[in-house]
Amino acid sequence: MPITRSGYADNRAARRAQYDSPTHRNMRAAIAATVNVGLEMCARCGNQIKRGDKWDLDHADDRLGYLGASHASCNRSAGARHGGAGGASKNLSGGDSPPHLAAKLTL
């Protein structure tokens, strides 16, 4: 795997391991049923995730918890804006979360 900047390959491997964790897989599976029938709202933009839309289980910007389902494009553009590091959003276990998710997920 080529390294384009210092530590890039190591960080990428660590992120991939997190997405393959049982916690991540179980949380995504729990949300998938409602996403697949179009009943979930994007944690980032608040719009409906329609059946067939690409979606991600979105991490809080501080990466300490999950926000919920997000359009893949919303999640990835947020990561690019924040440089993959901590930001202003708080995770569901730490307080403020998007209002449409506040009662949905618990860690």
N, C-alpha and C. Protein backbone atom coordinates (compact mmCIF):
# COMPACT_ATOMS: atom_id res chain seq x y z
N MET A 1 0.84 -1.17 0.00
CA MET A 1 0.00 0.00 0.00
C MET A 1 0.89 1.24 0.00
N PRO A 2 0.76 2.12 -0.99
CA PRO A 2 1.62 3.30 -1.05
C PRO A 2 1.26 4.30 0.04
N ILE A 3 2.29 4.97 0.53
CA ILE A 3 2.09 6.00 1.53
C ILE A 3 2.26 7.36 0.85
N THR A 4 1.21 8.18 0.91
CA THR A 4 1.26 9.48 0.25
C THR A 4 1.62 10.60 1.21
N ARG A 5 1.48 10.36 2.49
CA ARG A 5 1.91 11.32 3.50
C ARG A 5 2.23 10.54 4.77
N SER A 6 2.92 11.15 5.65
CA SER A 6 3.37 10.47 6.86
C SER A 6 2.23 9.83 7.63
N GLY A 7 2.32 8.53 7.86
CA GLY A 7 1.34 7.81 8.65
C GLY A 7 0.03 7.50 7.96
N TYR A 8 -0.13 7.88 6.72
CA TYR A 8 -1.41 7.69 6.02
C TYR A 8 -1.83 6.24 5.99
N ALA A 9 -0.93 5.35 5.64
CA ALA A 9 -1.29 3.93 5.53
C ALA A 9 -1.70 3.37 6.89
N ASP A 10 -1.00 3.76 7.96
CA ASP A 10 -1.34 3.28 9.29
C ASP A 10 -2.71 3.78 9.72
N ASN A 11 -3.01 5.06 9.48
CA ASN A 11 -4.31 5.62 9.85
C ASN A 11 -5.43 4.94 9.07
N ARG A 12 -5.20 4.68 7.82
CA ARG A 12 -6.21 4.04 6.98
C ARG A 12 -6.51 2.63 7.49
N ALA A 13 -5.48 1.92 7.86
CA ALA A 13 -5.67 0.56 8.39
C ALA A 13 -6.45 0.58 9.70
N ALA A 14 -6.16 1.55 10.56
CA ALA A 14 -6.87 1.66 11.84
C ALA A 14 -8.35 1.98 11.62
N ARG A 15 -8.64 2.87 10.68
CA ARG A 15 -10.04 3.20 10.37
C ARG A 15 -10.76 1.98 9.81
N ARG A 16 -10.11 1.26 8.92
CA ARG A 16 -10.73 0.08 8.33
C ARG A 16 -11.05 -0.95 9.42
N ALA A 17 -10.14 -1.12 10.38
CA ALA A 17 -10.37 -2.07 11.47
C ALA A 17 -11.58 -1.64 12.31
N GLN A 18 -11.77 -0.34 12.50
CA GLN A 18 -12.91 0.13 13.27
C GLN A 18 -14.22 -0.20 12.55
N TYR A 19 -14.25 -0.04 11.23
CA TYR A 19 -15.46 -0.32 10.46
C TYR A 19 -15.77 -1.82 10.43
N ASP A 20 -14.77 -2.65 10.64
CA ASP A 20 -14.96 -4.08 10.65
C ASP A 20 -15.25 -4.62 12.05
N SER A 21 -15.38 -3.73 13.03
CA SER A 21 -15.60 -4.18 14.41
C SER A 21 -17.03 -4.71 14.57
N PRO A 22 -17.24 -5.62 15.53
CA PRO A 22 -18.59 -6.12 15.78
C PRO A 22 -19.56 -5.00 16.17
N THR A 23 -19.10 -4.03 16.92
CA THR A 23 -19.97 -2.92 17.31
C THR A 23 -20.49 -2.17 16.09
N HIS A 24 -19.59 -1.86 15.17
CA HIS A 24 -19.97 -1.13 13.96
C HIS A 24 -20.93 -1.97 13.10
N ARG A 25 -20.58 -3.22 12.90
CA ARG A 25 -21.44 -4.10 12.09
C ARG A 25 -22.82 -4.25 12.69
N ASN A 26 -22.89 -4.43 14.02
CA ASN A 26 -24.18 -4.62 14.69
C ASN A 26 -25.03 -3.34 14.64
N MET A 27 -24.40 -2.19 14.84
CA MET A 27 -25.13 -0.93 14.80
C MET A 27 -25.66 -0.68 13.39
N ARG A 28 -24.82 -0.93 12.38
CA ARG A 28 -25.26 -0.74 11.00
C ARG A 28 -26.41 -1.69 10.66
N ALA A 29 -26.32 -2.93 11.08
CA ALA A 29 -27.38 -3.90 10.81
C ALA A 29 -28.69 -3.48 11.47
N ALA A 30 -28.61 -2.93 12.67
CA ALA A 30 -29.81 -2.50 13.38
C ALA A 30 -30.51 -1.36 12.66
N ILE A 31 -29.75 -0.47 12.05
CA ILE A 31 -30.32 0.67 11.36
C ILE A 31 -30.73 0.33 9.92
N ALA A 32 -30.09 -0.67 9.34
CA ALA A 32 -30.30 -1.01 7.92
C ALA A 32 -31.76 -1.29 7.58
N ALA A 33 -32.49 -1.93 8.47
CA ALA A 33 -33.88 -2.27 8.17
C ALA A 33 -34.72 -1.03 7.88
N THR A 34 -34.54 0.01 8.67
CA THR A 34 -35.32 1.24 8.43
C THR A 34 -34.75 2.06 7.28
N VAL A 35 -33.44 2.00 7.09
CA VAL A 35 -32.84 2.70 5.95
C VAL A 35 -33.33 2.08 4.64
N ASN A 36 -33.37 0.77 4.58
CA ASN A 36 -33.72 0.07 3.34
C ASN A 36 -35.16 0.26 2.89
N VAL A 37 -36.01 0.73 3.77
CA VAL A 37 -37.40 1.04 3.38
C VAL A 37 -37.66 2.55 3.35
N GLY A 38 -36.60 3.33 3.49
CA GLY A 38 -36.72 4.78 3.35
C GLY A 38 -37.28 5.50 4.57
N LEU A 39 -37.10 4.93 5.76
CA LEU A 39 -37.64 5.55 6.97
C LEU A 39 -36.61 6.29 7.81
N GLU A 40 -35.38 6.36 7.35
CA GLU A 40 -34.34 7.06 8.11
C GLU A 40 -34.07 8.43 7.50
N MET A 41 -33.68 9.36 8.37
CA MET A 41 -33.28 10.68 7.96
C MET A 41 -31.76 10.79 8.12
N CYS A 42 -31.13 11.53 7.24
CA CYS A 42 -29.68 11.71 7.28
C CYS A 42 -29.28 12.50 8.52
N ALA A 43 -28.32 11.98 9.26
CA ALA A 43 -27.83 12.65 10.46
C ALA A 43 -27.12 13.96 10.13
N ARG A 44 -26.66 14.11 8.92
CA ARG A 44 -25.92 15.32 8.52
C ARG A 44 -26.83 16.39 7.93
N CYS A 45 -27.66 16.05 6.96
CA CYS A 45 -28.47 17.07 6.26
C CYS A 45 -29.92 17.08 6.72
N GLY A 46 -30.37 16.01 7.38
CA GLY A 46 -31.74 15.94 7.86
C GLY A 46 -32.75 15.48 6.82
N ASN A 47 -32.32 15.26 5.59
CA ASN A 47 -33.23 14.79 4.53
C ASN A 47 -33.37 13.27 4.58
N GLN A 48 -34.44 12.79 3.98
CA GLN A 48 -34.71 11.36 3.95
C GLN A 48 -33.63 10.62 3.17
N ILE A 49 -33.25 9.46 3.69
CA ILE A 49 -32.40 8.55 2.95
C ILE A 49 -33.36 7.63 2.21
N LYS A 50 -33.45 7.81 0.93
CA LYS A 50 -34.43 7.06 0.13
C LYS A 50 -33.92 5.65 -0.14
N ARG A 51 -34.88 4.77 -0.36
CA ARG A 51 -34.55 3.39 -0.68
C ARG A 51 -33.59 3.36 -1.86
N GLY A 52 -32.49 2.64 -1.73
CA GLY A 52 -31.50 2.53 -2.79
C GLY A 52 -30.38 3.56 -2.70
N ASP A 53 -30.54 4.60 -1.86
CA ASP A 53 -29.47 5.59 -1.69
C ASP A 53 -28.27 4.92 -1.02
N LYS A 54 -27.09 5.36 -1.37
CA LYS A 54 -25.90 4.89 -0.67
C LYS A 54 -25.83 5.61 0.67
N TRP A 55 -25.55 4.84 1.73
CA TRP A 55 -25.51 5.44 3.06
C TRP A 55 -24.40 4.82 3.89
N ASP A 56 -24.00 5.56 4.91
CA ASP A 56 -22.97 5.12 5.84
C ASP A 56 -23.51 5.20 7.26
N LEU A 57 -22.97 4.38 8.13
CA LEU A 57 -23.17 4.58 9.56
C LEU A 57 -22.16 5.65 9.95
N ASP A 58 -22.65 6.81 10.25
CA ASP A 58 -21.81 8.01 10.43
C ASP A 58 -21.30 8.12 11.85
N HIS A 59 -19.99 8.34 11.97
CA HIS A 59 -19.38 8.60 13.26
C HIS A 59 -19.56 10.06 13.64
N ALA A 60 -19.59 10.33 14.93
CA ALA A 60 -19.53 11.70 15.40
C ALA A 60 -18.17 12.27 14.97
N ASP A 61 -18.12 13.58 14.82
CA ASP A 61 -16.88 14.19 14.35
C ASP A 61 -15.70 13.91 15.29
N ASP A 62 -15.97 13.71 16.58
CA ASP A 62 -14.88 13.39 17.51
C ASP A 62 -14.54 11.89 17.49
N ARG A 63 -15.28 11.11 16.68
CA ARG A 63 -15.06 9.68 16.47
C ARG A 63 -15.25 8.84 17.74
N LEU A 64 -15.95 9.38 18.73
CA LEU A 64 -16.17 8.65 19.97
C LEU A 64 -17.54 7.98 20.03
N GLY A 65 -18.32 8.13 18.99
CA GLY A 65 -19.64 7.52 18.95
C GLY A 65 -20.21 7.63 17.55
N TYR A 66 -21.49 7.31 17.43
CA TYR A 66 -22.15 7.32 16.14
C TYR A 66 -23.26 8.37 16.11
N LEU A 67 -23.41 9.01 14.97
CA LEU A 67 -24.53 9.93 14.76
C LEU A 67 -25.75 9.19 14.25
N GLY A 68 -25.53 8.13 13.49
CA GLY A 68 -26.61 7.37 12.88
C GLY A 68 -26.36 7.25 11.39
N ALA A 69 -27.42 7.00 10.65
CA ALA A 69 -27.31 6.85 9.20
C ALA A 69 -27.15 8.22 8.54
N SER A 70 -26.29 8.29 7.54
CA SER A 70 -26.10 9.50 6.75
C SER A 70 -25.95 9.10 5.29
N HIS A 71 -26.39 10.00 4.40
CA HIS A 71 -26.06 9.78 2.99
C HIS A 71 -24.55 9.63 2.90
N ALA A 72 -24.08 8.74 2.06
CA ALA A 72 -22.64 8.54 1.92
C ALA A 72 -21.96 9.86 1.55
N SER A 73 -22.58 10.62 0.66
CA SER A 73 -21.97 11.89 0.23
C SER A 73 -21.91 12.91 1.37
N CYS A 74 -22.94 12.95 2.21
CA CYS A 74 -22.93 13.88 3.35
C CYS A 74 -21.84 13.50 4.35
N ASN A 75 -21.75 12.21 4.66
CA ASN A 75 -20.76 11.73 5.61
C ASN A 75 -19.35 11.99 5.11
N ARG A 76 -19.09 11.67 3.89
CA ARG A 76 -17.72 11.79 3.36
C ARG A 76 -17.32 13.23 3.14
N SER A 77 -18.27 14.09 2.77
CA SER A 77 -17.91 15.50 2.62
C SER A 77 -17.67 16.13 3.98
N ALA A 78 -18.38 15.68 5.02
CA ALA A 78 -18.13 16.19 6.37
C ALA A 78 -16.74 15.77 6.83
N GLY A 79 -16.36 14.53 6.53
CA GLY A 79 -15.02 14.07 6.89
C GLY A 79 -13.94 14.88 6.19
N ALA A 80 -14.18 15.23 4.95
CA ALA A 80 -13.21 16.02 4.21
C ALA A 80 -13.10 17.43 4.79
N ARG A 81 -14.25 18.00 5.17
CA ARG A 81 -14.24 19.35 5.76
C ARG A 81 -13.50 19.37 7.09
N HIS A 82 -13.67 18.31 7.88
CA HIS A 82 -13.06 18.27 9.20
C HIS A 82 -11.68 17.62 9.18
N GLY A 83 -11.24 17.20 8.05
CA GLY A 83 -9.93 16.58 7.94
C GLY A 83 -9.82 15.27 8.70
N GLY A 84 -10.98 14.64 8.95
CA GLY A 84 -10.96 13.36 9.66
C GLY A 84 -10.66 13.50 11.14
N ALA A 85 -10.61 14.74 11.64
CA ALA A 85 -10.30 14.96 13.05
C ALA A 85 -11.53 15.51 13.75
N GLY A 86 -11.39 15.75 15.04
CA GLY A 86 -12.50 16.24 15.85
C GLY A 86 -13.12 17.51 15.32
N GLY A 87 -14.40 17.67 15.57
CA GLY A 87 -15.12 18.85 15.13
C GLY A 87 -16.15 19.26 16.16
N ALA A 88 -17.13 20.01 15.73
CA ALA A 88 -18.10 20.58 16.64
C ALA A 88 -19.22 19.62 17.03
N SER A 89 -19.53 18.63 16.22
CA SER A 89 -20.65 17.74 16.53
C SER A 89 -20.32 16.89 17.75
N LYS A 90 -21.35 16.56 18.50
CA LYS A 90 -21.16 15.69 19.66
C LYS A 90 -21.83 14.37 19.38
N ASN A 91 -21.28 13.33 19.98
CA ASN A 91 -21.86 12.02 19.74
C ASN A 91 -23.08 11.80 20.60
N LEU A 92 -23.79 10.73 20.35
CA LEU A 92 -25.04 10.46 21.04
C LEU A 92 -24.85 10.19 22.52
N SER A 93 -23.70 9.70 22.90
CA SER A 93 -23.48 9.43 24.31
C SER A 93 -22.95 10.66 25.04
N GLY A 94 -22.55 11.70 24.28
CA GLY A 94 -21.93 12.86 24.89
C GLY A 94 -22.79 14.10 24.92
N GLY A 95 -24.05 14.04 24.54
CA GLY A 95 -24.88 15.22 24.64
C GLY A 95 -25.58 15.55 23.35
N ASP A 96 -25.36 16.74 22.85
CA ASP A 96 -26.09 17.25 21.70
C ASP A 96 -25.93 16.35 20.48
N SER A 97 -27.03 16.07 19.84
CA SER A 97 -27.04 15.31 18.61
C SER A 97 -28.15 15.88 17.75
N PRO A 98 -28.16 15.58 16.47
CA PRO A 98 -29.25 16.07 15.64
C PRO A 98 -30.59 15.68 16.27
N PRO A 99 -31.57 16.62 16.31
CA PRO A 99 -32.83 16.35 17.01
C PRO A 99 -33.55 15.09 16.53
N HIS A 100 -33.45 14.77 15.23
CA HIS A 100 -34.17 13.61 14.73
C HIS A 100 -33.52 12.29 15.16
N LEU A 101 -32.34 12.36 15.80
CA LEU A 101 -31.68 11.13 16.24
C LEU A 101 -31.60 11.01 17.77
N ALA A 102 -31.92 12.05 18.48
CA ALA A 102 -31.69 12.09 19.91
C ALA A 102 -32.26 10.87 20.64
N ALA A 103 -33.44 10.42 20.26
CA ALA A 103 -34.06 9.29 20.96
C ALA A 103 -33.85 7.96 20.28
N LYS A 104 -33.18 7.94 19.12
CA LYS A 104 -33.06 6.72 18.33
C LYS A 104 -31.95 5.79 18.77
N LEU A 105 -30.77 6.34 18.97
CA LEU A 105 -29.61 5.50 19.21
C LEU A 105 -29.04 5.70 20.59
N THR A 106 -28.63 4.63 21.19
CA THR A 106 -27.86 4.71 22.42
C THR A 106 -26.71 3.76 22.29
N LEU A 107 -25.61 4.13 22.87
CA LEU A 107 -24.41 3.29 22.77
C LEU A 107 -24.32 2.38 23.98
